[in-house]
Amino acid sequence: MPDITFRRAHADDYTRLEQIRVAAFAPIFRSFQEILGDTIYALAQAHEDKAQGALLTEMLTDDSPWRVYAVEMDEMILGFVSFCLDTEHAVGEIGLNAVDPEYAGKGIGTKMYQFALEQLKSAGAQVATVSTGGDPSHQPALSAYRKAGFNVEISSVWLCKEL
């Protein structure tokens, strides 16, 4: 396990975080396209995939409810994790996150989620949530979430039909 540190990400980090996001999500988006087929993917999913970059930009703004932390090793950003807290209900949520594929499988994701959970708990969260896909491309994330202690699951199925 590399010696990693966490620090609050800011807008100046966007270029590196976006590089990581694009690289980490490319196989997931390809998987979606293979599963859905070109027509359904183009109409029902591609716009969501493209919007993810704008979501990251929005999360890095000062007024965003999301907190984004960069994961660093030797001052190089290896990944990022976002989370927010619904203080009224004491529920924290882990949101958009990614690890540079060159460092995948080294426990960094699990450490990111443990960090986020610690932050949420210290801020008053009593429950934490995270969601991920059920397709094979999401299995590494699902495994890391489980390693971080997420142990109550509700499966969801998204059905599509070309008309």
C-alpha atoms as a PDB file:
ATOM      1  CA  MET A   1       0.000   0.000   0.000  1.00  0.00           C
ATOM      2  CA  PRO A   2       1.508   3.331  -1.034  1.00  0.00           C
ATOM      3  CA  ASP A   3       1.912   6.045   1.604  1.00  0.00           C
ATOM      4  CA  ILE A   4      -0.921   8.390   0.669  1.00  0.00           C
ATOM      5  CA  THR A   5      -2.239  11.664   2.062  1.00  0.00           C
ATOM      6  CA  PHE A   6      -5.511  13.516   1.654  1.00  0.00           C
ATOM      7  CA  ARG A   7      -6.031  17.221   1.090  1.00  0.00           C
ATOM      8  CA  ARG A   8      -8.981  19.330   0.090  1.00  0.00           C
ATOM      9  CA  ALA A   9      -9.088  19.630  -3.684  1.00  0.00           C
ATOM     10  CA  HIS A  10      -9.653  22.984  -5.343  1.00  0.00           C
ATOM     11  CA  ALA A  11     -10.407  24.315  -8.801  1.00  0.00           C
ATOM     12  CA  ASP A  12      -6.693  24.397  -9.716  1.00  0.00           C
ATOM     13  CA  ASP A  13      -6.685  20.600  -9.391  1.00  0.00           C
ATOM     14  CA  TYR A  14      -9.419  20.172 -12.002  1.00  0.00           C
ATOM     15  CA  THR A  15      -7.136  19.259 -14.917  1.00  0.00           C
ATOM     16  CA  ARG A  16      -5.498  16.369 -13.045  1.00  0.00           C
ATOM     17  CA  LEU A  17      -8.764  15.196 -11.467  1.00  0.00           C
ATOM     18  CA  GLU A  18     -10.426  15.274 -14.873  1.00  0.00           C
ATOM     19  CA  GLN A  19      -7.580  13.202 -16.370  1.00  0.00           C
ATOM     20  CA  ILE A  20      -8.091  10.610 -13.648  1.00  0.00           C
ATOM     21  CA  ARG A  21     -11.882  10.674 -14.054  1.00  0.00           C
ATOM     22  CA  VAL A  22     -11.694  10.201 -17.819  1.00  0.00           C
ATOM     23  CA  ALA A  23      -9.191   7.347 -17.554  1.00  0.00           C
ATOM     24  CA  ALA A  24     -11.015   5.585 -14.713  1.00  0.00           C
ATOM     25  CA  PHE A  25     -14.480   5.843 -16.239  1.00  0.00           C
ATOM     26  CA  ALA A  26     -13.541   5.039 -19.863  1.00  0.00           C
ATOM     27  CA  PRO A  27     -13.931   1.259 -19.372  1.00  0.00           C
ATOM     28  CA  ILE A  28     -17.215   1.793 -17.537  1.00  0.00           C
ATOM     29  CA  PHE A  29     -18.636   3.942 -20.312  1.00  0.00           C
ATOM     30  CA  ARG A  30     -17.448   1.397 -22.912  1.00  0.00           C
ATOM     31  CA  SER A  31     -19.155  -1.329 -20.895  1.00  0.00           C
ATOM     32  CA  PHE A  32     -22.380   0.685 -20.835  1.00  0.00           C
ATOM     33  CA  GLN A  33     -22.219   1.098 -24.610  1.00  0.00           C
ATOM     34  CA  GLU A  34     -21.575  -2.621 -25.148  1.00  0.00           C
ATOM     35  CA  ILE A  35     -24.437  -3.612 -22.842  1.00  0.00           C
ATOM     36  CA  LEU A  36     -26.936  -1.065 -24.159  1.00  0.00           C
ATOM     37  CA  GLY A  37     -25.946  -1.121 -27.823  1.00  0.00           C
ATOM     38  CA  ASP A  38     -25.115   1.969 -29.845  1.00  0.00           C
ATOM     39  CA  THR A  39     -28.639   3.352 -30.283  1.00  0.00           C
ATOM     40  CA  ILE A  40     -29.834   3.059 -26.691  1.00  0.00           C
ATOM     41  CA  TYR A  41     -26.466   4.222 -25.369  1.00  0.00           C
ATOM     42  CA  ALA A  42     -26.505   7.297 -27.617  1.00  0.00           C
ATOM     43  CA  LEU A  43     -30.033   8.263 -26.606  1.00  0.00           C
ATOM     44  CA  ALA A  44     -30.301   7.178 -22.969  1.00  0.00           C
ATOM     45  CA  GLN A  45     -26.794   7.210 -21.477  1.00  0.00           C
ATOM     46  CA  ALA A  46     -24.134   9.096 -23.454  1.00  0.00           C
ATOM     47  CA  HIS A  47     -25.310  12.516 -22.266  1.00  0.00           C
ATOM     48  CA  GLU A  48     -25.059  11.366 -18.631  1.00  0.00           C
ATOM     49  CA  ASP A  49     -21.516  10.138 -19.190  1.00  0.00           C
ATOM     50  CA  LYS A  50     -20.521  13.430 -20.813  1.00  0.00           C
ATOM     51  CA  ALA A  51     -22.119  15.455 -18.000  1.00  0.00           C
ATOM     52  CA  GLN A  52     -19.837  13.848 -15.426  1.00  0.00           C
ATOM     53  CA  GLY A  53     -17.020  16.301 -16.221  1.00  0.00           C
ATOM     54  CA  ALA A  54     -19.324  19.258 -15.550  1.00  0.00           C
ATOM     55  CA  LEU A  55     -20.396  17.597 -12.305  1.00  0.00           C
ATOM     56  CA  LEU A  56     -16.774  17.474 -11.190  1.00  0.00           C
ATOM     57  CA  THR A  57     -16.366  21.177 -12.013  1.00  0.00           C
ATOM     58  CA  GLU A  58     -19.491  21.991 -10.005  1.00  0.00           C
ATOM     59  CA  MET A  59     -18.319  19.917  -7.045  1.00  0.00           C
ATOM     60  CA  LEU A  60     -15.121  21.967  -6.876  1.00  0.00           C
ATOM     61  CA  THR A  61     -16.918  25.301  -6.469  1.00  0.00           C
ATOM     62  CA  ASP A  62     -16.852  27.040  -3.089  1.00  0.00           C
ATOM     63  CA  ASP A  63     -20.629  26.890  -2.680  1.00  0.00           C
ATOM     64  CA  SER A  64     -20.997  23.205  -3.508  1.00  0.00           C
ATOM     65  CA  PRO A  65     -22.367  20.954  -0.761  1.00  0.00           C
ATOM     66  CA  TRP A  66     -19.823  18.369  -1.926  1.00  0.00           C
ATOM     67  CA  ARG A  67     -16.367  18.158  -0.399  1.00  0.00           C
ATOM     68  CA  VAL A  68     -13.737  16.849  -2.774  1.00  0.00           C
ATOM     69  CA  TYR A  69     -10.444  15.501  -1.485  1.00  0.00           C
ATOM     70  CA  ALA A  70      -7.393  14.732  -3.573  1.00  0.00           C
ATOM     71  CA  VAL A  71      -5.428  11.607  -2.756  1.00  0.00           C
ATOM     72  CA  GLU A  72      -1.704  12.216  -3.071  1.00  0.00           C
ATOM     73  CA  MET A  73       1.534  10.304  -2.955  1.00  0.00           C
ATOM     74  CA  ASP A  74       4.760  12.300  -3.155  1.00  0.00           C
ATOM     75  CA  GLU A  75       2.687  15.398  -4.075  1.00  0.00           C
ATOM     76  CA  MET A  76       1.190  13.633  -7.099  1.00  0.00           C
ATOM     77  CA  ILE A  77      -2.589  13.269  -7.238  1.00  0.00           C
ATOM     78  CA  LEU A  78      -3.539   9.598  -7.628  1.00  0.00           C
ATOM     79  CA  GLY A  79      -7.277   9.928  -7.140  1.00  0.00           C
ATOM     80  CA  PHE A  80     -10.126  11.830  -5.565  1.00  0.00           C
ATOM     81  CA  VAL A  81     -13.224  11.250  -3.501  1.00  0.00           C
ATOM     82  CA  SER A  82     -16.266  13.450  -2.975  1.00  0.00           C
ATOM     83  CA  PHE A  83     -18.824  13.326  -0.210  1.00  0.00           C
ATOM     84  CA  CYS A  84     -21.597  15.420   1.290  1.00  0.00           C
ATOM     85  CA  LEU A  85     -23.673  15.396   4.447  1.00  0.00           C
ATOM     86  CA  ASP A  86     -27.411  15.845   4.835  1.00  0.00           C
ATOM     87  CA  THR A  87     -27.259  17.308   8.342  1.00  0.00           C
ATOM     88  CA  GLU A  88     -31.039  17.238   8.786  1.00  0.00           C
ATOM     89  CA  HIS A  89     -31.110  13.452   8.417  1.00  0.00           C
ATOM     90  CA  ALA A  90     -27.518  12.694   9.532  1.00  0.00           C
ATOM     91  CA  VAL A  91     -26.855  10.830   6.285  1.00  0.00           C
ATOM     92  CA  GLY A  92     -23.589  11.140   4.419  1.00  0.00           C
ATOM     93  CA  GLU A  93     -23.092  10.186   0.800  1.00  0.00           C
ATOM     94  CA  ILE A  94     -19.949   9.304  -1.095  1.00  0.00           C
ATOM     95  CA  GLY A  95     -20.252  10.640  -4.615  1.00  0.00           C
ATOM     96  CA  LEU A  96     -18.029  10.900  -7.658  1.00  0.00           C
ATOM     97  CA  ASN A  97     -14.633   9.336  -7.052  1.00  0.00           C
ATOM     98  CA  ALA A  98     -11.863   7.696  -9.016  1.00  0.00           C
ATOM     99  CA  VAL A  99      -8.346   6.310  -8.776  1.00  0.00           C
ATOM    100  CA  ASP A 100      -5.807   6.683 -11.578  1.00  0.00           C
ATOM    101  CA  PRO A 101      -5.922   3.291 -13.340  1.00  0.00           C
ATOM    102  CA  GLU A 102      -2.123   3.060 -13.059  1.00  0.00           C
ATOM    103  CA  TYR A 103      -2.594   2.794  -9.277  1.00  0.00           C
ATOM    104  CA  ALA A 104      -5.762   0.692  -9.239  1.00  0.00           C
ATOM    105  CA  GLY A 105      -5.811  -2.473  -7.175  1.00  0.00           C
ATOM    106  CA  LYS A 106      -3.393  -1.154  -4.549  1.00  0.00           C
ATOM    107  CA  GLY A 107      -5.989  -0.367  -1.854  1.00  0.00           C
ATOM    108  CA  ILE A 108      -6.169   3.354  -2.592  1.00  0.00           C
ATOM    109  CA  GLY A 109      -9.920   3.278  -3.253  1.00  0.00           C
ATOM    110  CA  THR A 110     -10.591   1.491   0.021  1.00  0.00           C
ATOM    111  CA  LYS A 111      -8.465   4.048   1.890  1.00  0.00           C
ATOM    112  CA  MET A 112     -10.338   6.887   0.145  1.00  0.00           C
ATOM    113  CA  TYR A 113     -13.686   5.517   1.293  1.00  0.00           C
ATOM    114  CA  GLN A 114     -12.431   4.945   4.827  1.00  0.00           C
ATOM    115  CA  PHE A 115     -11.214   8.556   4.883  1.00  0.00           C
ATOM    116  CA  ALA A 116     -14.556   9.853   3.605  1.00  0.00           C
ATOM    117  CA  LEU A 117     -16.425   7.762   6.176  1.00  0.00           C
ATOM    118  CA  GLU A 118     -14.256   9.135   8.993  1.00  0.00           C
ATOM    119  CA  GLN A 119     -14.898  12.689   7.801  1.00  0.00           C
ATOM    120  CA  LEU A 120     -18.645  12.097   7.568  1.00  0.00           C
ATOM    121  CA  LYS A 121     -18.818  10.469  10.992  1.00  0.00           C
ATOM    122  CA  SER A 122     -16.881  13.290  12.632  1.00  0.00           C
ATOM    123  CA  ALA A 123     -19.292  15.767  10.985  1.00  0.00           C
ATOM    124  CA  GLY A 124     -22.296  14.004  12.524  1.00  0.00           C
ATOM    125  CA  ALA A 125     -23.359  11.399   9.976  1.00  0.00           C
ATOM    126  CA  GLN A 126     -24.982   8.333  11.446  1.00  0.00           C
ATOM    127  CA  VAL A 127     -25.400   6.530   8.130  1.00  0.00           C
ATOM    128  CA  ALA A 128     -23.331   6.621   4.964  1.00  0.00           C
ATOM    129  CA  THR A 129     -24.471   5.697   1.474  1.00  0.00           C
ATOM    130  CA  VAL A 130     -22.783   5.088  -1.842  1.00  0.00           C
ATOM    131  CA  SER A 131     -24.132   3.785  -5.112  1.00  0.00           C
ATOM    132  CA  THR A 132     -22.485   1.976  -7.968  1.00  0.00           C
ATOM    133  CA  GLY A 133     -23.401  -0.001 -11.052  1.00  0.00           C
ATOM    134  CA  GLY A 134     -24.111  -3.698 -11.036  1.00  0.00           C
ATOM    135  CA  ASP A 135     -22.422  -4.469 -14.345  1.00  0.00           C
ATOM    136  CA  PRO A 136     -19.001  -6.179 -14.481  1.00  0.00           C
ATOM    137  CA  SER A 137     -17.147  -2.897 -15.028  1.00  0.00           C
ATOM    138  CA  HIS A 138     -18.242  -1.716 -11.570  1.00  0.00           C
ATOM    139  CA  GLN A 139     -17.051  -4.803  -9.701  1.00  0.00           C
ATOM    140  CA  PRO A 140     -13.756  -3.207  -8.558  1.00  0.00           C
ATOM    141  CA  ALA A 141     -15.674  -0.277  -7.026  1.00  0.00           C
ATOM    142  CA  LEU A 142     -18.206  -2.603  -5.419  1.00  0.00           C
ATOM    143  CA  SER A 143     -15.388  -4.643  -3.922  1.00  0.00           C
ATOM    144  CA  ALA A 144     -13.668  -1.532  -2.552  1.00  0.00           C
ATOM    145  CA  TYR A 145     -16.924  -0.247  -1.023  1.00  0.00           C
ATOM    146  CA  ARG A 146     -17.441  -3.578   0.693  1.00  0.00           C
ATOM    147  CA  LYS A 147     -13.835  -3.566   1.963  1.00  0.00           C
ATOM    148  CA  ALA A 148     -14.504  -0.109   3.423  1.00  0.00           C
ATOM    149  CA  GLY A 149     -17.395  -1.576   5.408  1.00  0.00           C
ATOM    150  CA  PHE A 150     -20.492  -0.963   3.320  1.00  0.00           C
ATOM    151  CA  ASN A 151     -22.535  -4.058   4.077  1.00  0.00           C
ATOM    152  CA  VAL A 152     -26.242  -3.327   3.504  1.00  0.00           C
ATOM    153  CA  GLU A 153     -27.294  -3.437  -0.145  1.00  0.00           C
ATOM    154  CA  ILE A 154     -30.399  -2.788  -2.197  1.00  0.00           C
ATOM    155  CA  SER A 155     -30.003  -3.897  -5.790  1.00  0.00           C
ATOM    156  CA  SER A 156     -31.415  -1.796  -8.582  1.00  0.00           C
ATOM    157  CA  VAL A 157     -32.118  -2.702 -12.172  1.00  0.00           C
ATOM    158  CA  TRP A 158     -32.280  -0.178 -14.998  1.00  0.00           C
ATOM    159  CA  LEU A 159     -34.225  -1.534 -17.959  1.00  0.00           C
ATOM    160  CA  CYS A 160     -34.163  -0.101 -21.464  1.00  0.00           C
ATOM    161  CA  LYS A 161     -36.106  -0.807 -24.646  1.00  0.00           C
ATOM    162  CA  GLU A 162     -35.553   0.640 -28.048  1.00  0.00           C
ATOM    163  CA  LEU A 163     -38.828   1.932 -29.501  1.00  0.00           C
END
